Protein backbone atom coordinates (compact mmCIF):
# COMPACT_ATOMS: atom_id res chain seq x y z
CA MET A 1 -14.00 15.58 9.78
CA ASN A 2 -14.83 13.73 6.94
CA ILE A 3 -15.69 15.26 3.25
CA ARG A 4 -17.70 12.80 0.62
CA GLN A 5 -19.10 13.55 -2.53
CA VAL A 6 -22.53 13.02 -3.07
CA THR A 7 -24.15 11.42 -6.46
CA ASP A 8 -27.78 10.49 -5.28
CA GLY A 9 -30.37 12.32 -3.46
CA LYS A 10 -28.42 15.52 -4.29
CA GLU A 11 -32.35 17.35 -3.66
CA ASP A 12 -32.42 16.61 -0.28
CA TYR A 13 -30.07 19.36 0.15
CA ILE A 14 -31.56 22.22 -1.54
CA GLU A 15 -33.35 23.15 1.65
CA LEU A 16 -29.66 24.22 3.39
CA LEU A 17 -28.17 25.40 0.37
CA ARG A 18 -30.56 28.05 -0.38
CA ALA A 19 -28.76 29.86 3.04
CA GLY A 20 -26.10 30.57 0.61
CA ASP A 21 -28.82 31.14 -2.68
CA PRO A 22 -32.28 31.55 -2.71
CA ASP A 23 -33.02 30.92 -5.67
CA GLU A 24 -34.38 26.99 -6.28
CA SER A 25 -33.76 26.72 -9.46
CA ARG A 26 -30.63 27.38 -9.82
CA ILE A 27 -29.73 25.52 -7.28
CA ARG A 28 -31.68 22.40 -9.13
CA LYS A 29 -29.51 23.88 -12.73
CA LEU A 30 -25.88 24.02 -10.31
CA LEU A 31 -26.82 20.42 -8.80
CA GLU A 32 -27.74 18.61 -12.32
CA LYS A 33 -24.15 19.84 -14.08
CA GLY A 34 -22.08 20.12 -11.02
CA GLU A 35 -20.85 18.23 -7.99
CA LEU A 36 -22.14 18.30 -4.30
CA PHE A 37 -19.67 17.79 -1.64
CA LEU A 38 -20.49 17.24 2.14
CA LEU A 39 -18.32 17.67 5.42
CA GLU A 40 -19.87 15.75 8.47
CA GLU A 41 -17.96 15.37 11.86
CA HIS A 42 -19.28 12.90 14.60
CA GLY A 43 -21.87 11.94 12.26
CA LYS A 44 -23.17 15.58 11.99
CA LEU A 45 -23.55 17.42 8.92
CA ARG A 46 -21.27 20.95 8.98
CA THR A 47 -20.61 22.34 5.65
CA LEU A 48 -21.85 21.99 2.24
CA CYS A 49 -20.81 23.23 -1.36
CA ILE A 50 -21.42 22.67 -5.24
CA VAL A 51 -18.47 22.89 -7.79
CA ILE A 52 -19.30 23.49 -11.19
CA PHE A 53 -16.47 22.94 -14.23
CA SER A 54 -15.52 24.74 -17.53
CA GLU A 55 -13.57 23.37 -20.67
CA GLU A 56 -10.59 25.43 -19.68
CA LYS A 57 -8.94 23.76 -16.85
CA LYS A 58 -11.09 25.95 -14.32
CA CYS A 59 -13.54 24.95 -11.43
CA GLU A 60 -16.37 27.52 -9.76
CA ILE A 61 -17.41 27.10 -6.05
CA LYS A 62 -20.89 28.32 -6.74
CA ASN A 63 -22.80 27.66 -3.73
CA ILE A 64 -20.64 27.07 -0.35
CA VAL A 65 -22.83 26.69 2.38
CA THR A 66 -21.92 26.24 6.81
CA ILE A 67 -24.53 25.28 9.41
CA LYS A 68 -25.24 28.41 11.10
CA LYS A 69 -24.31 27.40 14.54
CA ASP A 70 -20.78 25.43 13.35
CA GLN A 71 -19.64 29.17 11.27
CA GLY A 72 -16.85 30.31 12.16
CA LYS A 73 -15.25 26.94 13.40
CA GLY A 74 -12.83 26.62 10.02
CA TYR A 75 -15.58 24.17 8.42
CA GLY A 76 -15.45 26.40 5.51
CA ARG A 77 -11.81 26.61 5.30
CA TYR A 78 -11.10 22.75 5.70
CA MET A 79 -13.77 22.32 2.83
CA ILE A 80 -12.39 24.25 0.31
CA HIS A 81 -8.25 23.05 1.12
CA TYR A 82 -9.89 19.77 0.08
CA ILE A 83 -11.17 20.95 -2.93
CA CYS A 84 -8.22 22.71 -4.08
CA GLU A 85 -6.22 18.96 -3.24
CA HIS A 86 -9.49 16.89 -4.85
CA TYR A 87 -9.11 18.89 -8.22
CA CYS A 88 -5.62 19.47 -8.58
CA ALA A 89 -4.44 17.23 -11.21
CA GLN A 90 -7.58 18.29 -13.26
CA TYR A 91 -7.37 22.19 -12.97
CA ASP A 92 -5.14 24.67 -12.40
CA TRP A 93 -7.62 27.52 -10.95
CA VAL A 94 -10.52 27.60 -9.03
CA TYR A 95 -12.97 30.72 -8.95
CA MET A 96 -15.43 32.49 -6.30
CA LYS A 97 -17.97 34.45 -7.96
CA LYS A 98 -16.91 38.30 -5.80
CA GLU A 99 -19.45 38.60 -3.50
CA ARG A 100 -20.67 42.51 -1.72
CA CYS A 101 -20.77 40.74 1.80
CA LEU A 102 -17.49 41.65 3.34
CA ASP A 103 -17.07 38.89 5.62
CA ILE A 104 -17.82 36.27 2.78
CA MET A 105 -15.15 38.49 1.16
CA GLU A 106 -12.59 38.34 3.89
CA PHE A 107 -12.78 34.64 4.10
CA CYS A 108 -11.65 34.19 0.86
CA GLU A 109 -8.97 36.17 1.33
CA LYS A 110 -8.32 34.00 4.52
CA CYS A 111 -8.18 30.71 2.21
CA GLY A 112 -5.62 32.05 -0.47
CA PHE A 113 -7.97 33.70 -3.12
CA SER A 114 -6.72 36.79 -5.30
CA ASP A 115 -8.89 39.71 -5.91
CA GLU A 116 -7.16 39.94 -10.05
CA ASP A 117 -10.65 39.98 -11.71
CA GLU A 118 -13.37 42.32 -11.83
CA LYS A 119 -16.43 39.77 -11.21
CA TYR A 120 -14.49 36.92 -9.57
CA LEU A 121 -11.87 35.81 -6.71
CA LYS A 122 -9.40 33.10 -8.04
CA LYS A 123 -6.90 30.74 -7.11
CA GLU A 124 -4.44 28.14 -8.05
CA LEU A 125 -5.17 24.69 -7.27
CA MET A 126 -1.25 24.02 -6.51
CA SER A 127 -0.74 26.28 -4.27
CA GLU A 128 -2.53 24.52 -1.89
CA ILE A 129 -0.28 21.25 -1.85
CA ASP A 130 1.99 20.92 1.10
CA THR A 131 4.92 19.38 -0.60
CA LYS A 132 6.22 17.49 2.37
CA ARG A 133 2.52 15.65 2.99
CA VAL A 134 2.86 14.68 -0.64
CA ILE A 135 6.24 13.28 0.03
CA ASN A 136 5.47 11.51 3.06
CA LEU A 137 2.43 10.06 1.17
CA ALA A 138 4.25 8.76 -1.87
CA MET A 139 6.95 7.31 0.78
CA GLU A 140 4.17 5.48 2.85
CA ALA A 141 3.05 3.82 0.46
CA GLY A 142 6.68 2.66 -1.47
CA ARG A 143 7.44 1.55 2.43
CA MET A 144 4.54 -0.80 2.48
CA LEU A 145 4.98 -1.79 -0.92
CA LEU A 146 9.15 -2.49 -0.10
CA LYS A 147 8.18 -4.77 2.98
CA ASN A 148 5.60 -7.05 1.80
CA GLY A 149 7.30 -8.59 -1.21
CA GLY A 150 6.79 -5.29 -4.26
CA GLU A 151 9.24 -4.96 -6.76
CA ILE A 152 12.07 -2.53 -6.61
CA PHE A 153 10.36 -0.72 -10.39
CA ARG A 154 6.97 -0.81 -8.35
CA VAL A 155 7.93 0.54 -5.95
CA GLU A 156 9.30 4.05 -7.93
CA GLU A 157 6.38 3.48 -10.49
CA THR A 158 3.87 4.29 -7.28
CA MET A 159 5.91 6.94 -5.47
CA MET A 160 6.74 8.72 -8.59
CA ARG A 161 2.90 8.64 -9.70
CA ILE A 162 2.07 9.75 -6.56
CA CYS A 163 4.19 12.85 -6.16
CA HIS A 164 2.90 13.82 -10.37
CA ARG A 165 -0.39 13.37 -9.43
CA PHE A 166 -0.12 16.39 -6.71
CA GLY A 167 2.07 18.96 -8.44
CA VAL A 168 5.45 17.65 -7.12
CA LYS A 169 7.21 18.02 -10.77
CA TYR A 170 11.28 17.48 -9.63
CA VAL A 171 11.61 13.98 -8.12
CA ASP A 172 14.74 11.78 -7.64
CA LEU A 173 14.18 8.37 -6.35
CA PHE A 174 16.94 5.35 -5.35
CA THR A 175 15.98 2.29 -3.82
CA LEU A 176 17.52 -0.68 -2.14
CA SER A 177 15.75 -3.55 -1.23
CA HIS A 178 16.27 -1.97 2.64
CA GLY A 179 15.75 1.47 2.00
CA LEU A 180 14.10 4.27 0.30
CA PHE A 181 15.91 7.90 -0.79
CA ILE A 182 13.63 10.20 -1.94
CA CYS A 183 14.67 14.66 -2.92
CA ALA A 184 11.33 16.11 -4.44
CA GLY A 185 9.95 19.59 -4.59
CA THR A 186 8.08 22.13 -6.68
CA ASP A 187 9.07 25.42 -8.91
CA LYS A 188 7.93 27.47 -5.08
CA GLU A 189 9.39 25.57 -2.74
CA LYS A 190 12.86 24.30 -1.80
CA LEU A 191 13.62 20.22 -2.57
CA TYR A 192 12.56 18.25 0.34
CA THR A 193 14.60 15.31 1.10
CA LYS A 194 13.63 12.12 3.05
CA VAL A 195 15.24 8.74 3.47
CA LYS A 196 13.83 5.59 5.27
CA GLN A 197 15.16 2.17 6.41
CA VAL A 198 13.12 -0.82 5.71
CA PRO A 199 13.21 -3.61 7.51
CA LEU A 200 12.68 -7.31 6.35
CA SER A 201 9.29 -8.70 7.12
CA SER A 202 6.98 -11.47 5.63
CA THR A 203 5.30 -11.07 1.99
CA HIS A 204 1.55 -10.07 1.85
CA LEU A 205 0.81 -9.69 -1.82
CA GLY A 206 -2.76 -8.55 -0.53
CA ILE A 207 -1.58 -4.95 0.35
CA VAL A 208 1.01 -4.63 -2.70
CA ALA A 209 -1.98 -5.55 -4.65
CA GLU A 210 -4.76 -2.99 -2.83
CA VAL A 211 -1.45 -0.62 -2.49
CA ASN A 212 -0.61 -0.97 -6.61
CA ASP A 213 -4.77 -0.23 -7.00
CA LEU A 214 -4.82 3.24 -4.61
CA SER A 215 -1.96 4.96 -6.26
CA ARG A 216 -4.06 4.24 -10.31
CA GLU A 217 -6.92 5.80 -8.45
CA ILE A 218 -4.87 8.33 -7.21
CA ALA A 219 -3.25 9.09 -10.63
CA ALA A 220 -6.66 9.26 -12.03
CA GLY A 221 -7.27 12.18 -9.60
CA HIS A 222 -10.42 9.93 -7.99
CA VAL A 223 -8.88 10.31 -4.44
CA GLY A 224 -7.07 13.34 -2.40
CA ILE A 225 -4.19 13.24 0.44
CA GLU A 226 -6.36 13.04 3.01
CA GLU A 227 -8.55 9.70 1.81
CA ALA A 228 -5.43 8.20 0.60
CA TRP A 229 -4.01 8.31 4.23
CA LYS A 230 -6.82 6.81 5.19
CA LYS A 231 -6.95 3.96 2.93
CA LEU A 232 -3.19 3.94 3.51
CA LYS A 233 -4.14 3.32 6.96
CA GLN A 234 -6.62 0.76 6.39
CA ILE A 235 -4.30 -1.34 4.14
CA ASN A 236 -1.61 -1.45 6.13
CA LYS A 237 -4.15 -3.00 8.81
CA MET A 238 -4.73 -6.10 6.48
CA PRO A 239 -5.11 -9.70 8.45
CA THR A 240 -3.40 -12.30 6.59
CA LYS A 241 -5.48 -15.26 6.31
CA ARG A 242 -5.84 -17.67 9.10
CA ILE A 243 -3.11 -19.51 10.16
CA SER A 244 -4.52 -22.94 10.15
CA TYR A 245 -5.18 -22.15 6.34
CA GLN A 246 -1.82 -21.22 5.95
CA ILE A 247 -0.10 -23.98 7.36
CA ALA A 248 -2.25 -26.02 5.34
CA ALA A 249 -1.39 -24.76 2.33
CA ALA A 250 2.15 -24.81 3.11
CA GLY A 251 0.97 -29.14 3.17
CA LEU A 252 -0.27 -28.95 -0.21
CA SER A 253 2.52 -26.98 -1.89
CA ALA A 254 4.77 -29.13 -0.11
CA GLY A 255 3.05 -32.56 -1.23
CA GLY A 256 2.20 -30.85 -4.76
CA LEU A 257 5.75 -29.72 -5.74
CA GLY A 258 7.29 -33.06 -3.96
CA TYR A 259 5.49 -34.77 -6.26
CA LEU A 260 5.92 -32.88 -9.58
CA LEU A 261 9.98 -32.97 -8.74
CA GLY A 262 10.01 -36.29 -8.99
CA GLY A 263 8.53 -37.89 -5.93
CA THR A 264 5.94 -40.73 -5.73
CA PRO A 265 2.67 -40.36 -4.62
CA MET A 266 3.26 -41.66 -0.92
CA GLU A 267 6.62 -39.74 -0.82
CA ALA A 268 4.21 -36.81 -1.80
CA PHE A 269 2.14 -37.52 0.61
CA VAL A 270 4.74 -37.64 3.75
CA ALA A 271 6.01 -34.47 2.37
CA ILE A 272 2.65 -32.64 2.76
CA PHE A 273 3.07 -33.31 6.71
CA VAL A 274 7.02 -32.29 6.66
CA GLY A 275 5.76 -28.66 5.38
CA CYS A 276 2.66 -28.58 7.13
CA ALA A 277 5.04 -28.98 10.63
CA VAL A 278 8.42 -26.72 8.81
CA PHE A 279 5.91 -23.80 8.25
CA ALA A 280 4.29 -24.04 11.72
CA TRP A 281 7.74 -23.54 13.03
CA SER A 282 8.66 -20.68 10.73
CA LEU A 283 5.45 -18.83 12.37
CA PHE A 284 6.39 -19.63 15.74
CA ALA A 285 9.55 -18.38 15.33
CA GLY A 286 8.66 -15.00 13.68
CA LYS A 287 5.84 -14.41 16.02
CA TYR A 288 8.78 -14.43 18.73
CA GLY A 289 11.49 -12.93 16.37
CA ILE A 290 13.72 -15.38 16.34
CA SER A 291 17.27 -15.16 13.74
CA LYS A 292 16.42 -15.70 10.55
CA ILE A 293 19.70 -18.13 10.33
CA LEU A 294 18.14 -20.13 13.16
CA VAL A 295 14.69 -20.57 11.49
CA HIS A 296 15.99 -22.01 8.16
CA ILE A 297 18.92 -24.13 10.27
CA VAL A 298 16.09 -25.29 12.70
CA GLY A 299 13.75 -25.64 9.80
CA GLY A 300 16.82 -27.99 7.73
CA ILE A 301 16.43 -30.02 10.62
CA ILE A 302 13.14 -30.48 11.23
CA ILE A 303 12.64 -31.90 7.56
CA ALA A 304 15.31 -34.53 7.49
CA SER A 305 14.57 -35.18 10.88
CA MET A 306 10.87 -36.32 9.92
CA ALA A 307 12.00 -37.83 6.70
CA LEU A 308 14.21 -39.83 8.35
CA ALA A 309 11.25 -41.35 11.20
CA ALA A 310 9.01 -41.81 7.98
CA MET A 311 11.50 -43.75 6.27
CA GLN A 312 11.79 -46.36 9.52
CA ILE A 313 7.79 -46.79 9.24
CA PRO A 314 7.60 -50.06 7.26
CA ALA A 315 3.54 -49.31 6.15
CA PHE A 316 5.25 -46.42 3.92
CA GLY A 317 7.18 -48.53 1.45
CA ASN A 318 10.14 -47.59 0.34
CA LEU A 319 10.87 -44.25 0.57
CA ARG A 320 13.73 -41.76 -0.80
CA MET A 321 15.21 -39.67 1.26
CA GLU A 322 15.48 -37.15 -1.14
CA GLY A 323 11.36 -37.33 -2.58
CA ILE A 324 10.49 -36.05 0.92
CA VAL A 325 13.21 -33.33 1.63
CA THR A 326 12.52 -31.67 -2.09
CA GLY A 327 8.86 -31.22 -0.97
CA GLY A 328 9.54 -30.64 2.41
CA ILE A 329 11.84 -27.10 1.92
CA MET A 330 9.01 -25.56 -0.30
CA PRO A 331 7.83 -23.95 2.53
CA LEU A 332 11.06 -22.49 3.02
CA VAL A 333 12.42 -21.64 -0.11
CA PRO A 334 12.16 -17.76 -0.84
CA GLY A 335 10.82 -17.99 -4.18
CA LEU A 336 9.81 -14.42 -4.21
CA ALA A 337 12.66 -12.58 -3.30
CA PHE A 338 14.42 -14.79 -5.69
CA VAL A 339 12.10 -13.84 -8.30
CA ASN A 340 12.70 -9.98 -7.71
CA ALA A 341 16.46 -10.66 -7.42
CA ILE A 342 16.48 -11.62 -11.00
CA ARG A 343 13.79 -8.85 -12.05
CA ASP A 344 15.99 -6.38 -10.28
CA LEU A 345 18.97 -7.58 -12.19
CA ALA A 346 17.11 -7.78 -16.02
CA ASP A 347 16.50 -3.95 -15.06
CA SER A 348 20.20 -3.31 -14.84
CA ASP A 349 19.56 -2.57 -10.99
CA TYR A 350 22.61 -4.89 -9.85
CA LEU A 351 22.87 -3.35 -6.35
CA ALA A 352 18.99 -4.69 -5.00
CA GLY A 353 19.27 -7.50 -7.24
CA THR A 354 22.55 -8.72 -5.79
CA VAL A 355 21.72 -7.84 -2.55
CA LYS A 356 18.51 -9.58 -2.86
CA MET A 357 19.96 -13.05 -4.87
CA ILE A 358 22.92 -13.18 -1.56
CA ASP A 359 19.95 -13.10 0.72
CA ALA A 360 18.15 -15.72 -1.22
CA VAL A 361 20.47 -17.59 -1.93
CA MET A 362 21.90 -17.72 2.31
CA VAL A 363 18.23 -19.31 2.99
CA PHE A 364 19.42 -21.87 0.94
CA VAL A 365 22.60 -22.69 2.36
CA TYR A 366 20.83 -22.50 6.22
CA ILE A 367 18.37 -24.99 4.93
CA ALA A 368 21.68 -27.48 3.86
CA ILE A 369 23.08 -26.54 7.02
CA GLY A 370 20.56 -27.71 8.94
CA VAL A 371 19.85 -31.13 6.92
CA GLY A 372 23.14 -32.06 6.39
CA ALA A 373 23.44 -31.60 10.67
CA ALA A 374 20.53 -33.98 10.68
CA LEU A 375 21.65 -36.39 8.45
CA ALA A 376 25.20 -36.45 10.40
CA VAL A 377 23.53 -37.27 13.54
CA TYR A 378 21.71 -40.25 12.32
CA HIS A 379 24.22 -41.92 10.18
CA HIS A 380 27.63 -41.09 12.89
CA VAL A 381 25.46 -40.75 16.55
CA LEU A 382 22.99 -43.04 16.09
CA GLY A 383 25.01 -45.37 13.47
CA GLY A 384 21.90 -45.23 10.61
CA VAL A 385 19.20 -46.73 12.86
CA LEU A 386 16.52 -45.57 15.05
C-alpha cells in the first residue's frame, strides 16, 4: 500500500469524497484549507482522507472515504495510522466528529479514538508510534552512516533526531567505530535496547549525504516512518561510480598529488599509471574478500615494482623512486579514516578515535612492508638491475 499527499488537482476527487459528505461546497472549502491524502494499492485508489488543522496543536480528520467494494479490508485503519504517524511531531491530538452511524463509531473506537468529548472523538497522536519500529529505523540509519564513512557525532546526531521526531524522548547512545548501542523508550513503554555490529566496508559518501538529508526531512516532519524505511532501502541500493571512472580518478589523484608533493612532471605521469594499477588491484581484492593486510602489502609491492620498472626505461629520463611512490600510494591511503579519527579525538571520543587511528596507521605499515619487500628483492636478489 502506498499513501501520497495530493497538492494539485484536488477537485478531481470531489465526486468520490461526496460519499462521505454530500455537500460539494463544503468539500471544496475543506480542500482549500486542508490536506488531501490518497491510499493506493496495485495502482488503484482505495481510500481518501482530508485533514484540517487548528492553532492549538490539533488536527481533525474531516472526511475519510473508502471505495465501497474495498470497505472492511483495513484500508481506513491503515490511513488513520499513517495520518497519526505523519503529524505526530507537529500536533498532539487528532479529532473526528461524532457520527450517528454505529458502524462509524465502532470503526473509530477500533482505531483508538476515545469518547471523552460531547462532539468529537479524539486520539493522542503519540500513542500510535511503535517505539521498536522507531529505534530500528534510527539504528538502520546510523548503521548506513557508520558503514559508509560517517563521523561518530553525525551518526549519533542522526539517530537522536529520528527518535525525538517520533516521540521517543529517552535515548542513550553509545557508538564505536564498528558498533552501535542504543537504549530508548517513552513514558508509557519500557526501555528497548539494541546492539548492532557494523563491519568494515568501503566508503560511499553519497550514501552518507543522502541519509543525512533524509534525517533532516524526518526531523522537519515531512517524512513518516513507512516512507523513511522505503527511502533508506533505496539509498542503501545506491550504486557506486563506474569502475572505469573510479580507476581513472585514482590515477589522476595519484599523479596530481605526486606532483604537488615534489615530484617532477614525468614522475607524476608515471604515478598516474601506478595509481590506476594499484586501485584496480584493490577493487579486485575487495570483490573476492581478500584480507585487508594482504591487499595493502601486495599494493605496496605493485607500487614499488612499477616504479622500479619505469626507472629502467631510458625514455622517461632520470626518475626518482620517491617521486613515483609518493603519488602511487595515494589511492591506498585511508585519508577519510585518518581525518575522522582526528575529529573523534578532538571531540573527546578517545575510544573510537584511537581505534580508527590504529586502523589507519596499520594501513601505512602494510604499504611500507610491501614497498620494502619489493626493494629488498630488487637490491639483494636481482642485484639492483633488471
